[in-house]
Protein backbone atom coordinates (compact mmCIF):
# COMPACT_ATOMS: atom_id res chain seq x y z
CA MET A 1 -91.22 28.28 133.55
CA ALA A 2 -87.36 28.44 133.34
CA GLN A 3 -84.89 26.52 135.73
CA LYS A 4 -82.52 28.43 137.46
CA ILE A 5 -78.91 27.04 138.60
CA ASN A 6 -75.95 28.40 140.24
CA PRO A 7 -73.55 29.58 137.49
CA LEU A 8 -70.65 28.02 139.62
CA GLY A 9 -71.99 24.69 140.13
CA PHE A 10 -73.34 24.50 136.47
CA ARG A 11 -69.64 24.71 135.37
CA LEU A 12 -67.83 22.34 137.79
CA GLY A 13 -65.34 20.36 135.85
CA THR A 14 -65.24 22.85 132.92
CA THR A 15 -64.39 26.23 133.71
CA GLN A 16 -64.92 26.12 137.64
CA ASN A 17 -62.91 23.44 140.03
CA HIS A 18 -63.80 22.49 143.65
CA HIS A 19 -62.22 24.39 146.42
CA SER A 20 -62.06 21.59 148.76
CA PHE A 21 -59.66 18.56 147.87
CA TRP A 22 -59.59 15.43 149.89
CA PHE A 23 -60.67 11.95 150.19
CA ALA A 24 -62.62 10.17 152.77
CA GLN A 25 -64.83 7.10 153.00
CA PRO A 26 -68.48 7.56 152.56
CA LYS A 27 -69.09 6.97 156.37
CA ASN A 28 -66.27 9.86 157.37
CA TYR A 29 -67.40 11.88 154.09
CA SER A 30 -70.38 14.13 156.43
CA GLU A 31 -67.49 14.63 159.20
CA GLY A 32 -65.10 16.06 156.53
CA LEU A 33 -67.79 18.30 155.13
CA GLN A 34 -68.17 19.97 158.55
CA GLU A 35 -64.64 20.24 159.33
CA ASP A 36 -64.44 22.26 155.91
CA LYS A 37 -67.44 24.61 157.19
CA LYS A 38 -65.86 25.00 160.60
CA ILE A 39 -62.35 26.11 159.05
CA ARG A 40 -64.23 28.40 156.79
CA ASP A 41 -66.31 30.06 159.36
CA CYS A 42 -63.49 30.67 161.57
CA ILE A 43 -61.38 32.41 159.10
CA THR A 44 -64.30 34.60 158.03
CA ASN A 45 -65.29 35.52 161.43
CA TYR A 46 -61.59 36.45 162.50
CA ILE A 47 -61.17 38.38 159.27
CA GLN A 48 -64.43 40.28 160.30
CA LYS A 49 -63.60 40.73 163.86
CA ASN A 50 -60.35 42.48 162.92
CA ARG A 51 -62.17 44.61 159.97
CA LYS A 52 -64.18 46.55 162.34
CA LYS A 53 -61.22 48.90 163.43
CA GLY A 54 -60.96 50.27 159.92
CA SER A 55 -64.15 50.22 158.90
CA ASN A 56 -64.62 54.16 158.81
CA ARG A 57 -62.41 54.52 155.38
CA LYS A 58 -63.13 53.47 151.72
CA ILE A 59 -62.46 49.71 150.95
CA GLU A 60 -59.55 50.58 148.17
CA SER A 61 -57.66 52.66 150.71
CA ASP A 62 -58.13 50.77 153.85
CA SER A 63 -55.28 48.92 155.00
CA SER A 64 -57.14 46.66 157.27
CA SER A 65 -60.06 45.69 154.26
CA GLU A 66 -59.70 42.00 154.26
CA VAL A 67 -62.12 40.67 151.47
CA ILE A 68 -61.86 36.91 150.81
CA THR A 69 -62.81 35.68 147.45
CA HIS A 70 -62.44 31.79 148.35
CA ILE A 71 -60.68 29.76 150.48
CA GLU A 72 -58.97 26.41 149.45
CA ILE A 73 -58.61 23.27 151.60
CA GLN A 74 -56.43 20.40 150.64
CA LYS A 75 -56.46 17.57 153.43
CA GLU A 76 -53.24 15.00 153.70
CA ILE A 77 -52.92 12.39 156.22
CA ASP A 78 -51.11 14.67 158.74
CA THR A 79 -51.67 18.12 157.33
CA ILE A 80 -54.49 20.23 156.53
CA HIS A 81 -53.45 22.89 153.93
CA VAL A 82 -55.55 26.23 153.93
CA ILE A 83 -55.20 28.54 151.10
CA ILE A 84 -56.70 31.89 151.41
CA HIS A 85 -57.21 33.75 148.35
CA ILE A 86 -57.81 37.69 149.37
CA GLY A 87 -58.06 41.03 147.78
CA PHE A 88 -56.03 42.91 150.35
CA PRO A 89 -53.93 40.80 152.44
CA ASN A 90 -52.63 43.89 154.40
CA PHE A 91 -53.73 42.94 158.07
CA LEU A 92 -52.78 39.13 157.62
CA LYS A 93 -49.04 40.00 156.83
CA LYS A 94 -48.91 41.44 160.21
CA LYS A 95 -46.70 39.96 162.64
CA GLY A 96 -48.51 37.45 164.72
CA ALA A 97 -51.60 37.37 162.70
CA ILE A 98 -51.15 33.86 160.82
CA GLU A 99 -49.93 32.33 164.19
CA GLU A 100 -53.27 33.53 166.26
CA LEU A 101 -55.46 32.54 163.09
CA GLU A 102 -53.88 29.09 163.43
CA LYS A 103 -54.41 28.68 167.17
CA ASP A 104 -58.12 29.73 166.69
CA LEU A 105 -58.51 26.90 163.99
CA GLN A 106 -56.65 24.27 165.89
CA LYS A 107 -59.35 24.77 168.73
CA GLU A 108 -62.26 24.73 166.07
CA ILE A 109 -61.33 21.43 164.23
CA ASN A 110 -59.97 19.70 167.72
CA SER A 111 -57.34 17.40 165.83
CA VAL A 112 -54.04 16.47 167.58
CA ASN A 113 -52.88 14.33 164.59
CA GLN A 114 -53.04 17.06 161.99
CA ARG A 115 -51.17 19.97 161.79
CA LEU A 116 -52.35 23.14 159.92
CA ASN A 117 -50.27 25.00 157.36
CA ILE A 118 -52.08 28.58 156.38
CA ALA A 119 -51.11 30.44 153.34
CA ILE A 120 -51.91 33.94 152.06
CA GLU A 121 -52.55 34.22 148.14
CA LYS A 122 -53.37 37.78 146.98
CA VAL A 123 -55.68 38.24 144.24
CA LYS A 124 -53.93 39.69 141.28
CA GLU A 125 -56.94 41.94 139.91
CA PRO A 126 -59.00 42.43 143.14
CA TYR A 127 -61.97 44.34 141.18
CA ARG A 128 -62.40 41.41 138.90
CA GLN A 129 -63.97 39.48 141.88
CA PRO A 130 -67.66 39.57 142.57
CA ASN A 131 -67.33 39.20 146.55
CA ILE A 132 -64.86 42.17 146.50
CA LEU A 133 -67.44 44.31 144.47
CA ALA A 134 -70.26 43.14 146.90
CA GLU A 135 -68.33 44.31 149.79
CA TYR A 136 -67.63 47.54 148.29
CA ILE A 137 -71.39 48.05 147.22
CA ALA A 138 -72.27 46.93 150.82
CA PHE A 139 -69.85 49.65 151.96
CA GLN A 140 -71.49 52.46 149.92
CA LEU A 141 -75.23 51.16 150.96
CA LYS A 142 -74.18 51.60 154.61
CA ASN A 143 -72.77 55.18 154.13
CA ARG A 144 -76.22 56.21 152.59
CA VAL A 145 -75.28 56.02 149.10
CA SER A 146 -77.87 55.59 146.55
CA PHE A 147 -78.09 52.04 145.26
CA ARG A 148 -77.95 53.12 141.57
CA LYS A 149 -74.91 55.23 142.02
CA ALA A 150 -73.13 52.42 144.23
CA MET A 151 -73.90 49.92 141.25
CA LYS A 152 -72.49 52.49 138.73
CA LYS A 153 -69.35 52.81 140.80
CA ALA A 154 -68.70 49.33 141.16
CA ILE A 155 -68.96 48.73 137.28
CA GLU A 156 -66.32 51.80 137.00
CA LEU A 157 -64.07 49.68 139.15
CA THR A 158 -63.85 47.06 136.58
CA LYS A 159 -62.81 48.92 133.65
CA LYS A 160 -59.24 48.46 134.67
CA ALA A 161 -59.95 44.60 135.12
CA ASP A 162 -60.09 42.40 132.05
CA ILE A 163 -63.67 41.55 131.68
CA LYS A 164 -65.80 41.02 128.90
CA GLY A 165 -69.33 41.73 130.92
CA ILE A 166 -71.03 42.29 134.34
CA LYS A 167 -74.42 42.33 135.62
CA ILE A 168 -75.54 43.76 139.34
CA GLN A 169 -78.66 43.14 140.72
CA ILE A 170 -80.05 44.43 144.15
CA ALA A 171 -83.05 43.46 145.69
CA GLY A 172 -85.05 44.25 148.95
CA ARG A 173 -86.71 47.68 150.35
CA LEU A 174 -84.33 49.91 147.89
CA ALA A 175 -84.36 53.56 149.38
CA GLY A 176 -86.18 52.37 152.28
CA LYS A 177 -89.59 52.08 150.32
CA GLU A 178 -92.38 49.75 151.29
CA ILE A 179 -92.67 47.40 148.61
CA ALA A 180 -89.55 45.17 148.14
CA ARG A 181 -88.16 45.13 144.40
CA ALA A 182 -85.14 44.30 142.39
CA GLU A 183 -82.82 46.45 140.17
CA CYS A 184 -80.26 45.62 137.92
CA ILE A 185 -77.39 47.15 135.68
CA LYS A 186 -75.98 45.25 133.01
CA LYS A 187 -72.84 46.10 130.75
CA GLY A 188 -71.30 43.79 128.25
CA ARG A 189 -72.33 40.29 127.34
CA LEU A 190 -73.13 37.49 129.91
CA PRO A 191 -73.61 34.00 128.30
CA LEU A 192 -75.19 32.45 131.16
CA GLN A 193 -76.31 29.20 129.15
CA THR A 194 -72.76 28.72 127.54
CA ILE A 195 -70.76 26.09 129.86
CA ARG A 196 -67.62 27.07 128.37
CA ALA A 197 -67.83 30.75 129.43
CA LYS A 198 -65.99 31.47 132.53
CA ILE A 199 -68.41 33.32 134.81
CA ASP A 200 -67.76 34.18 138.42
CA TYR A 201 -70.77 34.59 140.40
CA CYS A 202 -71.72 35.56 144.19
CA CYS A 203 -74.77 36.14 146.34
CA TYR A 204 -74.28 38.65 149.04
CA PRO A 205 -76.61 39.79 151.74
CA ILE A 206 -76.55 43.41 153.23
CA ARG A 207 -78.11 44.43 156.32
CA THR A 208 -79.49 47.96 156.45
CA ILE A 209 -81.96 49.92 159.10
CA TYR A 210 -85.01 49.26 156.33
CA GLY A 211 -84.12 45.33 156.51
CA VAL A 212 -81.93 43.11 154.60
CA LEU A 213 -80.86 43.68 150.59
CA GLY A 214 -79.52 40.96 148.67
CA VAL A 215 -76.84 41.56 146.10
CA LYS A 216 -76.24 39.47 143.00
CA ILE A 217 -73.19 39.71 140.70
CA TRP A 218 -72.09 38.02 137.51
CA ILE A 219 -68.85 38.66 135.91
CA PHE A 220 -68.11 37.10 132.28
CA VAL A 221 -64.29 36.53 132.47
CA GLU A 222 -63.52 34.76 129.36
CA GLU A 223 -64.57 31.98 126.83
CA GLU A 224 -62.64 28.89 126.35
């Protein structure tokens, strides 16, 4: 029986890097992990709360669509640097948005001795990121688009991006059927067992009226 492993964790130290950079004593390590989770959850909740205003338009044309690819956290003695990598940072560029987010984060971590420094970095090729494609598929499914059509549209968006292969899998009660199943579509190469192959991966849940669907996306970017 095959053993499955997360493609990102499988490649840590080779083609994938950690998203948190800090040092702590063993007795304080768990507190640092909990603090990182609070920071990421607070940022995600803040983005989702402000995205609902423009949820009736398409993701590529929606000025308030904020899709986070990943969040980097760098901790120093008196400063916590938070770098938000995002596909469409239009809302966060508005006046007062970063200040409001900093206030929310400061309340979450309850740290007086450390100050926060938040930076926004736009992703150069948004549709090269699996999180953004998963969000696009979720938007299509919530608008009653066929799941096969949604997967094909997502693959079409990657034509302009420089990738070598992609695989999309959706599992659950597809099209409202009583029996859950999994459907996938693949294009190009996807060498999952090659460690030097840079592969981006995400697992994304979608809540529908029939239940929760799970979307998994693998993108083969390049080979070192």
